[in-house]
Each structure stands twice: as C-alpha cells, then as structure tokens.
Amino acid sequence: MKNLRRKRQSSSDVTFNIVNYLLFGIFTIICIYPFYYLVINTISANNLSASGAINLLPKEIHFENYKKLVELKGLGPAALVSLAKMTIGTLLTVIGSAFLGFMFTQERMWKRKFWYRFVVITMYFNAGLIPLFITMKNLHLTNTFWVYVIPTIVQPFNIILVKTYVESLPKALQEAAEIDGAGIFKVFYKIVLPTCTPILATVAIFSAVNQWNSYQDTLIYITDQKLYSLQYLLYTYINQANSLASMMKNSSGGMLSSSVVATQQTGTSIRMTVSVIVVLPILCIYPMFQRFFVKGIMIGSVKG
C-alpha cells in the first residue's frame, strides 16, 4: 500500500516538474529571444536585416557593424565617462545608502523619525526639472563630472531596503561592540557592512543599472562634449541612424558589389548594434551579483 502511494506521489511529482520545466522554459525563451534577435540581426547581412528577413538564424555573418560603430568619433572617451560614472556613482550610492539606512535604525539619532520621513517623502514629491536644473547650476555642478554622481548618492528606496535589512540583524552585535568601546563609525564599518553583503549587492545592481542606462543627465546638464556619456552619444546615433547610415554609405566610395551591400550600414543595423552595446555590459555584471540579489531583496523588503 505504501509503495503504491509512493508511486502515485512520484508520478504526480514528475508530471508537476514536467509542466513546471515546460512553462519556465517557454518563459525563458520569451525573455531571451528579443536580445537574441538583436544579436543575430547585427551580425547578419544588413540588407536582409533591414528587410526583416532575419528571424531565427543569422545569414551571411559579418562583424562590420561593430567595427564601424567603434570607429565613430568620440565613442572611446564617452565609454570611459560612462564607466567612471557607473563605478564611482555605484560606490558612493552603496556607501550613502548603507550609512543612512544604518543611522535611521539608531534610536539615539537626533530627530530620527523626522529625517527619515523627510527622505522618504522625496519619493513622492519633487520640485520638477527646472528648479532641479537651477539648483545644479547654483551649486556649480553643471558641465562637471560630479553632476553624474552627487545627485544619486541619496536614494530613498535603497535606504529603505538597507534600513529594513539592518533592523533584521541581532541588536546584540552592536551592543557587544559598543561594550568593547567601538564608536558609531566603527560599528558601521566593522559590524554592519560585513553582515549586509546581500542587500548591498542588491543596491549595487540597482545603482549600476541606473547609472549605465542614464542619458538624460547628460542631455540636461552637460554641453561639454568631453563629458558626454556613452549612452547619450548612442542615443544621438539612434536618433540620427538614417543620416549616419547615409554618411557611411557615401564614405564607402559608391561600390555596389554584393559583399559591400551586405555590410553597408542601414538605420536598422545602427539601431540594433547600439542596443546590443548598451545592454551587453549589464548582462556581464548581473550574473556576478545574482546570487545575492534574491536574498537581499527579500530580506530588505520584509520587516521581521
């Protein structure tokens, strides 16, 4: 009788697992296909890509799109600016979110509830674009690298995540450190930071993605071409894709052989190549932090 129940339970489990794998497999394909579609169109013949003939497999594979895009003027310095603002901005945002999240758990902090609500309310209300621009200009941050970094240090959502995570830690850890003579900064550096790796990794992912994808800060605050970010430069290329393709076509010397037609730039090829370049770094970074992400977001968003 017991063996029969085990067999029935085993068969139902197998059926359940098959359905699960099937559904999640379909969902995975749906998520992956758009990026796969971009990639195969960037390495296929551009005339076929522009006509919509590339859907499942690449045809007439070449890598001229990436080569020609990399050769565009200003792309290298812009990539360095984007890399610097993502690295420095993410680091400062993580430190700022960690410290403020920790301080808002300290009952001895002066007017703690007031300052916490003061920070949180900015999630719902803001002065608008024009006052923000005027503020940045009065602070002499426009046309400087720091306009990318300083306004992003205090992020209310990240602070809430860290605060909730810190509240889930045993208070005995801090009490024991203070008995041994540790001050508030030493407690933060020696006790809190090492135990908050999952939530800090989560905050780092959020910040890195936001910093890398951001182009509006350049659009609003920067006029110096030396400070253009990669995303803003690629954004302008996407908007000017057709004229850029015509310029590349004219510079090719007017040859019309089949090999040239296949690699000749089109508006579609430029848009898709730009999209791949923008997304690729985040796809490389995310797997390194993914193991912390689920744990951090779950603990940091549920109190108790």
C-alpha atoms as a PDB file:
ATOM      1  CA  MET A   1       0.000   0.000   0.000  1.00  0.00           C
ATOM      2  CA  LYS A   2       2.830   2.359   0.953  1.00  0.00           C
ATOM      3  CA  ASN A   3       4.692   1.528  -2.254  1.00  0.00           C
ATOM      4  CA  LEU A   4       1.566   2.319  -4.286  1.00  0.00           C
ATOM      5  CA  ARG A   5       1.228   5.720  -2.582  1.00  0.00           C
ATOM      6  CA  ARG A   6       4.874   6.432  -3.237  1.00  0.00           C
ATOM      7  CA  LYS A   7       4.426   5.546  -6.909  1.00  0.00           C
ATOM      8  CA  ARG A   8       1.355   7.768  -7.190  1.00  0.00           C
ATOM      9  CA  GLN A   9       3.139  10.623  -5.436  1.00  0.00           C
ATOM     10  CA  SER A  10       6.203  10.105  -7.575  1.00  0.00           C
ATOM     11  CA  SER A  11       4.215  10.163 -10.817  1.00  0.00           C
ATOM     12  CA  SER A  12       2.378  13.340  -9.763  1.00  0.00           C
ATOM     13  CA  ASP A  13       5.681  14.950  -8.858  1.00  0.00           C
ATOM     14  CA  VAL A  14       7.091  14.016 -12.253  1.00  0.00           C
ATOM     15  CA  THR A  15       4.049  15.485 -14.004  1.00  0.00           C
ATOM     16  CA  PHE A  16       4.308  18.660 -11.915  1.00  0.00           C
ATOM     17  CA  ASN A  17       8.023  19.014 -12.675  1.00  0.00           C
ATOM     18  CA  ILE A  18       7.484  18.472 -16.407  1.00  0.00           C
ATOM     19  CA  VAL A  19       4.801  21.163 -16.518  1.00  0.00           C
ATOM     20  CA  ASN A  20       6.988  23.492 -14.471  1.00  0.00           C
ATOM     21  CA  TYR A  21      10.026  22.978 -16.678  1.00  0.00           C
ATOM     22  CA  LEU A  22       7.908  23.433 -19.792  1.00  0.00           C
ATOM     23  CA  LEU A  23       6.318  26.679 -18.606  1.00  0.00           C
ATOM     24  CA  PHE A  24       9.569  28.152 -17.315  1.00  0.00           C
ATOM     25  CA  GLY A  25      11.366  27.026 -20.466  1.00  0.00           C
ATOM     26  CA  ILE A  26       8.821  28.866 -22.622  1.00  0.00           C
ATOM     27  CA  PHE A  27       9.060  31.923 -20.374  1.00  0.00           C
ATOM     28  CA  THR A  28      12.874  31.843 -20.613  1.00  0.00           C
ATOM     29  CA  ILE A  29      12.741  31.690 -24.418  1.00  0.00           C
ATOM     30  CA  ILE A  30      10.315  34.634 -24.466  1.00  0.00           C
ATOM     31  CA  CYS A  31      12.729  36.653 -22.305  1.00  0.00           C
ATOM     32  CA  ILE A  32      15.888  35.694 -24.215  1.00  0.00           C
ATOM     33  CA  TYR A  33      14.564  35.924 -27.779  1.00  0.00           C
ATOM     34  CA  PRO A  34      14.425  39.758 -28.072  1.00  0.00           C
ATOM     35  CA  PHE A  35      18.126  40.060 -27.215  1.00  0.00           C
ATOM     36  CA  TYR A  36      18.957  37.069 -29.430  1.00  0.00           C
ATOM     37  CA  TYR A  37      17.013  38.746 -32.242  1.00  0.00           C
ATOM     38  CA  LEU A  38      19.097  41.910 -31.837  1.00  0.00           C
ATOM     39  CA  VAL A  39      22.379  39.990 -31.897  1.00  0.00           C
ATOM     40  CA  ILE A  40      21.633  37.871 -34.983  1.00  0.00           C
ATOM     41  CA  ASN A  41      20.486  40.959 -36.880  1.00  0.00           C
ATOM     42  CA  THR A  42      23.687  42.843 -36.058  1.00  0.00           C
ATOM     43  CA  ILE A  43      25.896  40.042 -37.425  1.00  0.00           C
ATOM     44  CA  SER A  44      23.751  39.245 -40.493  1.00  0.00           C
ATOM     45  CA  ALA A  45      23.737  40.924 -43.901  1.00  0.00           C
ATOM     46  CA  ASN A  46      22.429  44.430 -43.337  1.00  0.00           C
ATOM     47  CA  ASN A  47      20.212  44.444 -46.421  1.00  0.00           C
ATOM     48  CA  LEU A  48      18.477  41.260 -45.207  1.00  0.00           C
ATOM     49  CA  SER A  49      18.174  42.666 -41.691  1.00  0.00           C
ATOM     50  CA  ALA A  50      16.600  45.876 -42.960  1.00  0.00           C
ATOM     51  CA  SER A  51      14.031  43.886 -44.968  1.00  0.00           C
ATOM     52  CA  GLY A  52      13.045  41.819 -41.895  1.00  0.00           C
ATOM     53  CA  ALA A  53      14.344  38.531 -43.313  1.00  0.00           C
ATOM     54  CA  ILE A  54      16.357  37.577 -40.190  1.00  0.00           C
ATOM     55  CA  ASN A  55      14.203  35.947 -37.521  1.00  0.00           C
ATOM     56  CA  LEU A  56      15.734  32.700 -36.231  1.00  0.00           C
ATOM     57  CA  LEU A  57      19.229  32.199 -37.672  1.00  0.00           C
ATOM     58  CA  PRO A  58      21.871  34.694 -38.856  1.00  0.00           C
ATOM     59  CA  LYS A  59      22.648  34.846 -42.574  1.00  0.00           C
ATOM     60  CA  GLU A  60      25.858  35.979 -44.269  1.00  0.00           C
ATOM     61  CA  ILE A  61      27.596  36.542 -40.931  1.00  0.00           C
ATOM     62  CA  HIS A  62      29.908  39.563 -40.573  1.00  0.00           C
ATOM     63  CA  PHE A  63      31.066  41.879 -37.768  1.00  0.00           C
ATOM     64  CA  GLU A  64      31.431  45.123 -39.711  1.00  0.00           C
ATOM     65  CA  ASN A  65      28.614  46.784 -37.757  1.00  0.00           C
ATOM     66  CA  TYR A  66      30.554  46.622 -34.501  1.00  0.00           C
ATOM     67  CA  LYS A  67      33.818  47.581 -36.182  1.00  0.00           C
ATOM     68  CA  LYS A  68      32.352  50.669 -37.835  1.00  0.00           C
ATOM     69  CA  LEU A  69      30.453  51.733 -34.718  1.00  0.00           C
ATOM     70  CA  VAL A  70      33.583  51.502 -32.572  1.00  0.00           C
ATOM     71  CA  GLU A  71      35.408  53.692 -35.105  1.00  0.00           C
ATOM     72  CA  LEU A  72      32.908  56.532 -34.671  1.00  0.00           C
ATOM     73  CA  LYS A  73      34.383  59.744 -33.266  1.00  0.00           C
ATOM     74  CA  GLY A  74      34.133  60.261 -29.515  1.00  0.00           C
ATOM     75  CA  LEU A  75      32.987  56.753 -28.646  1.00  0.00           C
ATOM     76  CA  GLY A  76      36.112  55.832 -26.633  1.00  0.00           C
ATOM     77  CA  PRO A  77      36.121  58.888 -24.309  1.00  0.00           C
ATOM     78  CA  ALA A  78      32.347  58.589 -23.852  1.00  0.00           C
ATOM     79  CA  ALA A  79      32.729  54.944 -22.832  1.00  0.00           C
ATOM     80  CA  LEU A  80      35.340  55.947 -20.229  1.00  0.00           C
ATOM     81  CA  VAL A  81      32.995  58.623 -18.837  1.00  0.00           C
ATOM     82  CA  SER A  82      30.149  56.106 -18.568  1.00  0.00           C
ATOM     83  CA  LEU A  83      32.402  53.525 -16.931  1.00  0.00           C
ATOM     84  CA  ALA A  84      33.717  56.091 -14.444  1.00  0.00           C
ATOM     85  CA  LYS A  85      30.293  57.423 -13.509  1.00  0.00           C
ATOM     86  CA  MET A  86      28.910  53.904 -13.110  1.00  0.00           C
ATOM     87  CA  THR A  87      31.829  52.803 -10.906  1.00  0.00           C
ATOM     88  CA  ILE A  88      32.120  55.921  -8.724  1.00  0.00           C
ATOM     89  CA  GLY A  89      28.367  56.541  -8.648  1.00  0.00           C
ATOM     90  CA  THR A  90      27.598  52.976  -7.620  1.00  0.00           C
ATOM     91  CA  LEU A  91      30.259  53.001  -4.904  1.00  0.00           C
ATOM     92  CA  LEU A  92      29.055  56.289  -3.387  1.00  0.00           C
ATOM     93  CA  THR A  93      25.402  55.284  -3.631  1.00  0.00           C
ATOM     94  CA  VAL A  94      26.073  51.996  -1.828  1.00  0.00           C
ATOM     95  CA  ILE A  95      28.037  53.749   0.920  1.00  0.00           C
ATOM     96  CA  GLY A  96      25.443  56.510   1.298  1.00  0.00           C
ATOM     97  CA  SER A  97      22.503  54.090   1.336  1.00  0.00           C
ATOM     98  CA  ALA A  98      24.276  51.793   3.810  1.00  0.00           C
ATOM     99  CA  PHE A  99      25.212  54.569   6.225  1.00  0.00           C
ATOM    100  CA  LEU A 100      21.850  56.363   6.176  1.00  0.00           C
ATOM    101  CA  GLY A 101      19.959  53.077   6.377  1.00  0.00           C
ATOM    102  CA  PHE A 102      22.061  52.148   9.414  1.00  0.00           C
ATOM    103  CA  MET A 103      21.665  55.568  11.074  1.00  0.00           C
ATOM    104  CA  PHE A 104      17.896  55.513  10.690  1.00  0.00           C
ATOM    105  CA  THR A 105      17.841  52.368  12.860  1.00  0.00           C
ATOM    106  CA  GLN A 106      19.610  54.194  15.720  1.00  0.00           C
ATOM    107  CA  GLU A 107      17.072  55.455  18.242  1.00  0.00           C
ATOM    108  CA  ARG A 108      19.586  57.929  19.688  1.00  0.00           C
ATOM    109  CA  MET A 109      19.848  59.769  16.356  1.00  0.00           C
ATOM    110  CA  TRP A 110      18.573  63.343  16.749  1.00  0.00           C
ATOM    111  CA  LYS A 111      15.096  63.738  15.183  1.00  0.00           C
ATOM    112  CA  ARG A 112      15.464  60.301  13.571  1.00  0.00           C
ATOM    113  CA  LYS A 113      11.811  59.915  12.559  1.00  0.00           C
ATOM    114  CA  PHE A 114      11.654  63.423  11.106  1.00  0.00           C
ATOM    115  CA  TRP A 115      14.757  62.951   8.922  1.00  0.00           C
ATOM    116  CA  TYR A 116      13.623  59.510   7.808  1.00  0.00           C
ATOM    117  CA  ARG A 117      10.233  60.854   6.721  1.00  0.00           C
ATOM    118  CA  PHE A 118      11.961  63.841   5.139  1.00  0.00           C
ATOM    119  CA  VAL A 119      13.995  61.468   2.944  1.00  0.00           C
ATOM    120  CA  VAL A 120      11.094  59.127   2.144  1.00  0.00           C
ATOM    121  CA  ILE A 121       8.733  61.933   1.096  1.00  0.00           C
ATOM    122  CA  THR A 122      11.065  62.793  -1.791  1.00  0.00           C
ATOM    123  CA  MET A 123       9.964  59.518  -3.408  1.00  0.00           C
ATOM    124  CA  TYR A 124       6.511  61.025  -3.935  1.00  0.00           C
ATOM    125  CA  PHE A 125       7.154  64.742  -4.461  1.00  0.00           C
ATOM    126  CA  ASN A 126       9.813  66.716  -6.307  1.00  0.00           C
ATOM    127  CA  ALA A 127      10.182  70.291  -7.459  1.00  0.00           C
ATOM    128  CA  GLY A 128      10.424  69.448 -11.156  1.00  0.00           C
ATOM    129  CA  LEU A 129      13.044  69.705 -13.860  1.00  0.00           C
ATOM    130  CA  ILE A 130      13.561  73.481 -13.994  1.00  0.00           C
ATOM    131  CA  PRO A 131      14.142  74.000 -10.231  1.00  0.00           C
ATOM    132  CA  LEU A 132      16.439  70.968 -10.268  1.00  0.00           C
ATOM    133  CA  PHE A 133      18.484  72.438 -13.117  1.00  0.00           C
ATOM    134  CA  ILE A 134      18.689  75.809 -11.362  1.00  0.00           C
ATOM    135  CA  THR A 135      19.842  74.088  -8.171  1.00  0.00           C
ATOM    136  CA  MET A 136      22.578  72.179 -10.010  1.00  0.00           C
ATOM    137  CA  LYS A 137      23.683  75.369 -11.750  1.00  0.00           C
ATOM    138  CA  ASN A 138      23.828  77.322  -8.480  1.00  0.00           C
ATOM    139  CA  LEU A 139      25.898  74.507  -6.970  1.00  0.00           C
ATOM    140  CA  HIS A 140      28.266  74.798  -9.987  1.00  0.00           C
ATOM    141  CA  LEU A 141      27.718  71.147 -10.898  1.00  0.00           C
ATOM    142  CA  THR A 142      26.586  71.665 -14.492  1.00  0.00           C
ATOM    143  CA  ASN A 143      29.239  70.781 -17.066  1.00  0.00           C
ATOM    144  CA  THR A 144      31.204  68.844 -14.444  1.00  0.00           C
ATOM    145  CA  PHE A 145      31.651  65.115 -13.979  1.00  0.00           C
ATOM    146  CA  TRP A 146      30.208  65.268 -10.453  1.00  0.00           C
ATOM    147  CA  VAL A 147      26.729  66.113 -11.704  1.00  0.00           C
ATOM    148  CA  TYR A 148      26.525  62.434 -12.671  1.00  0.00           C
ATOM    149  CA  VAL A 149      27.436  61.239  -9.185  1.00  0.00           C
ATOM    150  CA  ILE A 150      26.416  63.592  -6.353  1.00  0.00           C
ATOM    151  CA  PRO A 151      22.634  63.768  -7.034  1.00  0.00           C
ATOM    152  CA  THR A 152      22.389  59.955  -6.987  1.00  0.00           C
ATOM    153  CA  ILE A 153      24.064  59.332  -3.609  1.00  0.00           C
ATOM    154  CA  VAL A 154      20.860  59.576  -1.557  1.00  0.00           C
ATOM    155  CA  GLN A 155      18.278  57.137  -2.966  1.00  0.00           C
ATOM    156  CA  PRO A 156      15.231  56.756  -0.661  1.00  0.00           C
ATOM    157  CA  PHE A 157      14.222  53.329  -1.976  1.00  0.00           C
ATOM    158  CA  ASN A 158      17.716  51.924  -1.396  1.00  0.00           C
ATOM    159  CA  ILE A 159      17.842  53.474   2.075  1.00  0.00           C
ATOM    160  CA  ILE A 160      14.547  51.795   2.979  1.00  0.00           C
ATOM    161  CA  LEU A 161      15.901  48.428   1.816  1.00  0.00           C
ATOM    162  CA  VAL A 162      19.078  48.770   3.877  1.00  0.00           C
ATOM    163  CA  LYS A 163      17.214  50.079   6.942  1.00  0.00           C
ATOM    164  CA  THR A 164      14.815  47.130   6.905  1.00  0.00           C
ATOM    165  CA  TYR A 165      17.718  44.703   6.464  1.00  0.00           C
ATOM    166  CA  VAL A 166      19.700  46.213   9.353  1.00  0.00           C
ATOM    167  CA  GLU A 167      16.627  46.012  11.597  1.00  0.00           C
ATOM    168  CA  SER A 168      16.551  42.251  10.974  1.00  0.00           C
ATOM    169  CA  LEU A 169      20.081  41.844  12.410  1.00  0.00           C
ATOM    170  CA  PRO A 170      20.517  40.900  16.096  1.00  0.00           C
ATOM    171  CA  LYS A 171      20.927  44.028  18.230  1.00  0.00           C
ATOM    172  CA  ALA A 172      23.357  42.091  20.403  1.00  0.00           C
ATOM    173  CA  LEU A 173      26.031  42.518  17.719  1.00  0.00           C
ATOM    174  CA  GLN A 174      26.069  46.292  18.061  1.00  0.00           C
ATOM    175  CA  GLU A 175      25.663  46.194  21.836  1.00  0.00           C
ATOM    176  CA  ALA A 176      28.658  43.857  22.206  1.00  0.00           C
ATOM    177  CA  ALA A 177      30.794  46.109  20.001  1.00  0.00           C
ATOM    178  CA  GLU A 178      29.817  49.216  21.970  1.00  0.00           C
ATOM    179  CA  ILE A 179      30.647  47.477  25.267  1.00  0.00           C
ATOM    180  CA  ASP A 180      34.122  46.846  23.836  1.00  0.00           C
ATOM    181  CA  GLY A 181      34.446  50.581  23.176  1.00  0.00           C
ATOM    182  CA  ALA A 182      33.504  50.815  19.483  1.00  0.00           C
ATOM    183  CA  GLY A 183      32.072  54.131  18.305  1.00  0.00           C
ATOM    184  CA  ILE A 184      29.229  54.555  15.817  1.00  0.00           C
ATOM    185  CA  PHE A 185      31.515  54.654  12.767  1.00  0.00           C
ATOM    186  CA  LYS A 186      33.466  51.619  13.895  1.00  0.00           C
ATOM    187  CA  VAL A 187      30.218  49.702  14.465  1.00  0.00           C
ATOM    188  CA  PHE A 188      29.102  50.654  10.970  1.00  0.00           C
ATOM    189  CA  TYR A 189      32.402  49.710   9.320  1.00  0.00           C
ATOM    190  CA  LYS A 190      33.302  46.624  11.345  1.00  0.00           C
ATOM    191  CA  ILE A 191      29.896  45.142  12.212  1.00  0.00           C
ATOM    192  CA  VAL A 192      27.160  46.365   9.879  1.00  0.00           C
ATOM    193  CA  LEU A 193      28.892  46.446   6.488  1.00  0.00           C
ATOM    194  CA  PRO A 194      30.252  42.864   6.610  1.00  0.00           C
ATOM    195  CA  THR A 195      26.827  41.480   7.563  1.00  0.00           C
ATOM    196  CA  CYS A 196      24.924  43.428   4.889  1.00  0.00           C
ATOM    197  CA  THR A 197      26.565  41.939   1.783  1.00  0.00           C
ATOM    198  CA  PRO A 198      23.299  40.629   0.196  1.00  0.00           C
ATOM    199  CA  ILE A 199      21.385  43.907   0.448  1.00  0.00           C
ATOM    200  CA  LEU A 200      24.417  45.992  -0.561  1.00  0.00           C
ATOM    201  CA  ALA A 201      24.870  43.809  -3.643  1.00  0.00           C
ATOM    202  CA  THR A 202      21.210  44.425  -4.466  1.00  0.00           C
ATOM    203  CA  VAL A 203      21.667  48.181  -4.092  1.00  0.00           C
ATOM    204  CA  ALA A 204      24.814  47.968  -6.233  1.00  0.00           C
ATOM    205  CA  ILE A 205      22.869  46.249  -9.033  1.00  0.00           C
ATOM    206  CA  PHE A 206      20.116  48.874  -8.955  1.00  0.00           C
ATOM    207  CA  SER A 207      22.622  51.721  -8.930  1.00  0.00           C
ATOM    208  CA  ALA A 208      24.882  50.264 -11.639  1.00  0.00           C
ATOM    209  CA  VAL A 209      21.948  49.677 -13.992  1.00  0.00           C
ATOM    210  CA  ASN A 210      20.589  53.189 -13.407  1.00  0.00           C
ATOM    211  CA  GLN A 211      23.991  54.803 -13.894  1.00  0.00           C
ATOM    212  CA  TRP A 212      24.809  52.831 -17.033  1.00  0.00           C
ATOM    213  CA  ASN A 213      21.431  53.378 -18.717  1.00  0.00           C
ATOM    214  CA  SER A 214      21.124  57.057 -17.825  1.00  0.00           C
ATOM    215  CA  TYR A 215      21.451  59.574 -20.659  1.00  0.00           C
ATOM    216  CA  GLN A 216      19.089  62.351 -19.536  1.00  0.00           C
ATOM    217  CA  ASP A 217      21.613  63.747 -17.055  1.00  0.00           C
ATOM    218  CA  THR A 218      23.950  64.438 -19.992  1.00  0.00           C
ATOM    219  CA  LEU A 219      21.073  65.845 -22.032  1.00  0.00           C
ATOM    220  CA  ILE A 220      20.065  68.256 -19.259  1.00  0.00           C
ATOM    221  CA  TYR A 221      23.291  69.289 -17.542  1.00  0.00           C
ATOM    222  CA  ILE A 222      26.172  68.784 -19.995  1.00  0.00           C
ATOM    223  CA  THR A 223      27.197  70.810 -23.047  1.00  0.00           C
ATOM    224  CA  ASP A 224      30.904  69.970 -22.970  1.00  0.00           C
ATOM    225  CA  GLN A 225      31.464  67.156 -25.478  1.00  0.00           C
ATOM    226  CA  LYS A 226      34.363  65.792 -23.399  1.00  0.00           C
ATOM    227  CA  LEU A 227      31.843  64.854 -20.684  1.00  0.00           C
ATOM    228  CA  TYR A 228      29.316  63.148 -22.969  1.00  0.00           C
ATOM    229  CA  SER A 229      28.349  59.709 -21.696  1.00  0.00           C
ATOM    230  CA  LEU A 230      28.278  56.660 -23.944  1.00  0.00           C
ATOM    231  CA  GLN A 231      24.511  56.315 -23.570  1.00  0.00           C
ATOM    232  CA  TYR A 232      23.899  59.908 -24.652  1.00  0.00           C
ATOM    233  CA  LEU A 233      26.210  59.514 -27.634  1.00  0.00           C
ATOM    234  CA  LEU A 234      24.487  56.284 -28.670  1.00  0.00           C
ATOM    235  CA  TYR A 235      21.115  57.940 -28.087  1.00  0.00           C
ATOM    236  CA  THR A 236      22.048  60.625 -30.605  1.00  0.00           C
ATOM    237  CA  TYR A 237      23.249  57.927 -33.023  1.00  0.00           C
ATOM    238  CA  ILE A 238      19.903  56.133 -32.760  1.00  0.00           C
ATOM    239  CA  ASN A 239      18.038  59.385 -33.482  1.00  0.00           C
ATOM    240  CA  GLN A 240      20.333  60.106 -36.429  1.00  0.00           C
ATOM    241  CA  ALA A 241      20.635  56.492 -37.606  1.00  0.00           C
ATOM    242  CA  ASN A 242      19.404  57.085 -41.151  1.00  0.00           C
ATOM    243  CA  SER A 243      21.604  60.124 -41.780  1.00  0.00           C
ATOM    244  CA  LEU A 244      24.566  58.339 -40.177  1.00  0.00           C
ATOM    245  CA  ALA A 245      23.992  55.335 -42.442  1.00  0.00           C
ATOM    246  CA  SER A 246      23.922  57.616 -45.489  1.00  0.00           C
ATOM    247  CA  MET A 247      27.183  59.241 -44.404  1.00  0.00           C
ATOM    248  CA  MET A 248      28.863  55.827 -44.029  1.00  0.00           C
ATOM    249  CA  LYS A 249      27.469  54.774 -47.394  1.00  0.00           C
ATOM    250  CA  ASN A 250      28.940  57.832 -49.112  1.00  0.00           C
ATOM    251  CA  SER A 251      32.310  57.265 -47.446  1.00  0.00           C
ATOM    252  CA  SER A 252      32.455  53.708 -48.824  1.00  0.00           C
ATOM    253  CA  GLY A 253      33.189  55.052 -52.311  1.00  0.00           C
ATOM    254  CA  GLY A 254      29.952  54.063 -54.025  1.00  0.00           C
ATOM    255  CA  MET A 255      30.849  50.410 -54.727  1.00  0.00           C
ATOM    256  CA  LEU A 256      27.818  48.188 -55.205  1.00  0.00           C
ATOM    257  CA  SER A 257      29.186  44.641 -55.023  1.00  0.00           C
ATOM    258  CA  SER A 258      27.136  42.101 -53.089  1.00  0.00           C
ATOM    259  CA  SER A 259      29.671  41.962 -50.243  1.00  0.00           C
ATOM    260  CA  VAL A 260      29.523  45.735 -49.839  1.00  0.00           C
ATOM    261  CA  VAL A 261      25.718  45.771 -49.932  1.00  0.00           C
ATOM    262  CA  ALA A 262      25.658  43.099 -47.202  1.00  0.00           C
ATOM    263  CA  THR A 263      27.878  45.159 -44.871  1.00  0.00           C
ATOM    264  CA  GLN A 264      26.612  48.600 -45.844  1.00  0.00           C
ATOM    265  CA  GLN A 265      25.199  50.433 -42.819  1.00  0.00           C
ATOM    266  CA  THR A 266      21.454  50.970 -42.552  1.00  0.00           C
ATOM    267  CA  GLY A 267      19.325  52.722 -39.969  1.00  0.00           C
ATOM    268  CA  THR A 268      18.194  49.329 -38.680  1.00  0.00           C
ATOM    269  CA  SER A 269      21.717  47.937 -38.322  1.00  0.00           C
ATOM    270  CA  ILE A 270      22.894  51.017 -36.389  1.00  0.00           C
ATOM    271  CA  ARG A 271      19.917  50.963 -34.006  1.00  0.00           C
ATOM    272  CA  MET A 272      20.329  47.257 -33.263  1.00  0.00           C
ATOM    273  CA  THR A 273      24.103  47.416 -32.852  1.00  0.00           C
ATOM    274  CA  VAL A 274      23.770  50.362 -30.463  1.00  0.00           C
ATOM    275  CA  SER A 275      21.142  48.479 -28.447  1.00  0.00           C
ATOM    276  CA  VAL A 276      23.434  45.450 -28.057  1.00  0.00           C
ATOM    277  CA  ILE A 277      26.387  47.601 -26.957  1.00  0.00           C
ATOM    278  CA  VAL A 278      24.252  49.352 -24.328  1.00  0.00           C
ATOM    279  CA  VAL A 279      22.797  46.148 -22.867  1.00  0.00           C
ATOM    280  CA  LEU A 280      25.870  43.892 -23.011  1.00  0.00           C
ATOM    281  CA  PRO A 281      27.838  45.304 -20.014  1.00  0.00           C
ATOM    282  CA  ILE A 282      24.853  44.918 -17.677  1.00  0.00           C
ATOM    283  CA  LEU A 283      24.392  41.329 -18.831  1.00  0.00           C
ATOM    284  CA  CYS A 284      28.019  40.690 -17.901  1.00  0.00           C
ATOM    285  CA  ILE A 285      27.762  42.358 -14.474  1.00  0.00           C
ATOM    286  CA  TYR A 286      24.447  40.927 -13.310  1.00  0.00           C
ATOM    287  CA  PRO A 287      25.499  37.229 -13.005  1.00  0.00           C
ATOM    288  CA  MET A 288      28.270  38.190 -10.562  1.00  0.00           C
ATOM    289  CA  PHE A 289      25.722  39.661  -8.115  1.00  0.00           C
ATOM    290  CA  GLN A 290      22.740  37.446  -8.917  1.00  0.00           C
ATOM    291  CA  ARG A 291      23.367  35.045  -6.014  1.00  0.00           C
ATOM    292  CA  PHE A 292      22.997  37.943  -3.568  1.00  0.00           C
ATOM    293  CA  PHE A 293      20.082  39.587  -5.329  1.00  0.00           C
ATOM    294  CA  VAL A 294      17.150  37.337  -4.313  1.00  0.00           C
ATOM    295  CA  LYS A 295      18.244  37.054  -0.678  1.00  0.00           C
ATOM    296  CA  GLY A 296      18.932  40.763  -0.386  1.00  0.00           C
ATOM    297  CA  ILE A 297      15.692  41.974  -1.940  1.00  0.00           C
ATOM    298  CA  MET A 298      13.578  39.544   0.089  1.00  0.00           C
ATOM    299  CA  ILE A 299      15.153  40.319   3.467  1.00  0.00           C
ATOM    300  CA  GLY A 300      15.438  44.024   2.722  1.00  0.00           C
ATOM    301  CA  SER A 301      11.787  44.384   1.757  1.00  0.00           C
ATOM    302  CA  VAL A 302      10.124  42.369   4.552  1.00  0.00           C
ATOM    303  CA  LYS A 303      10.420  43.510   8.132  1.00  0.00           C
ATOM    304  CA  GLY A 304      10.702  40.974  10.955  1.00  0.00           C
END
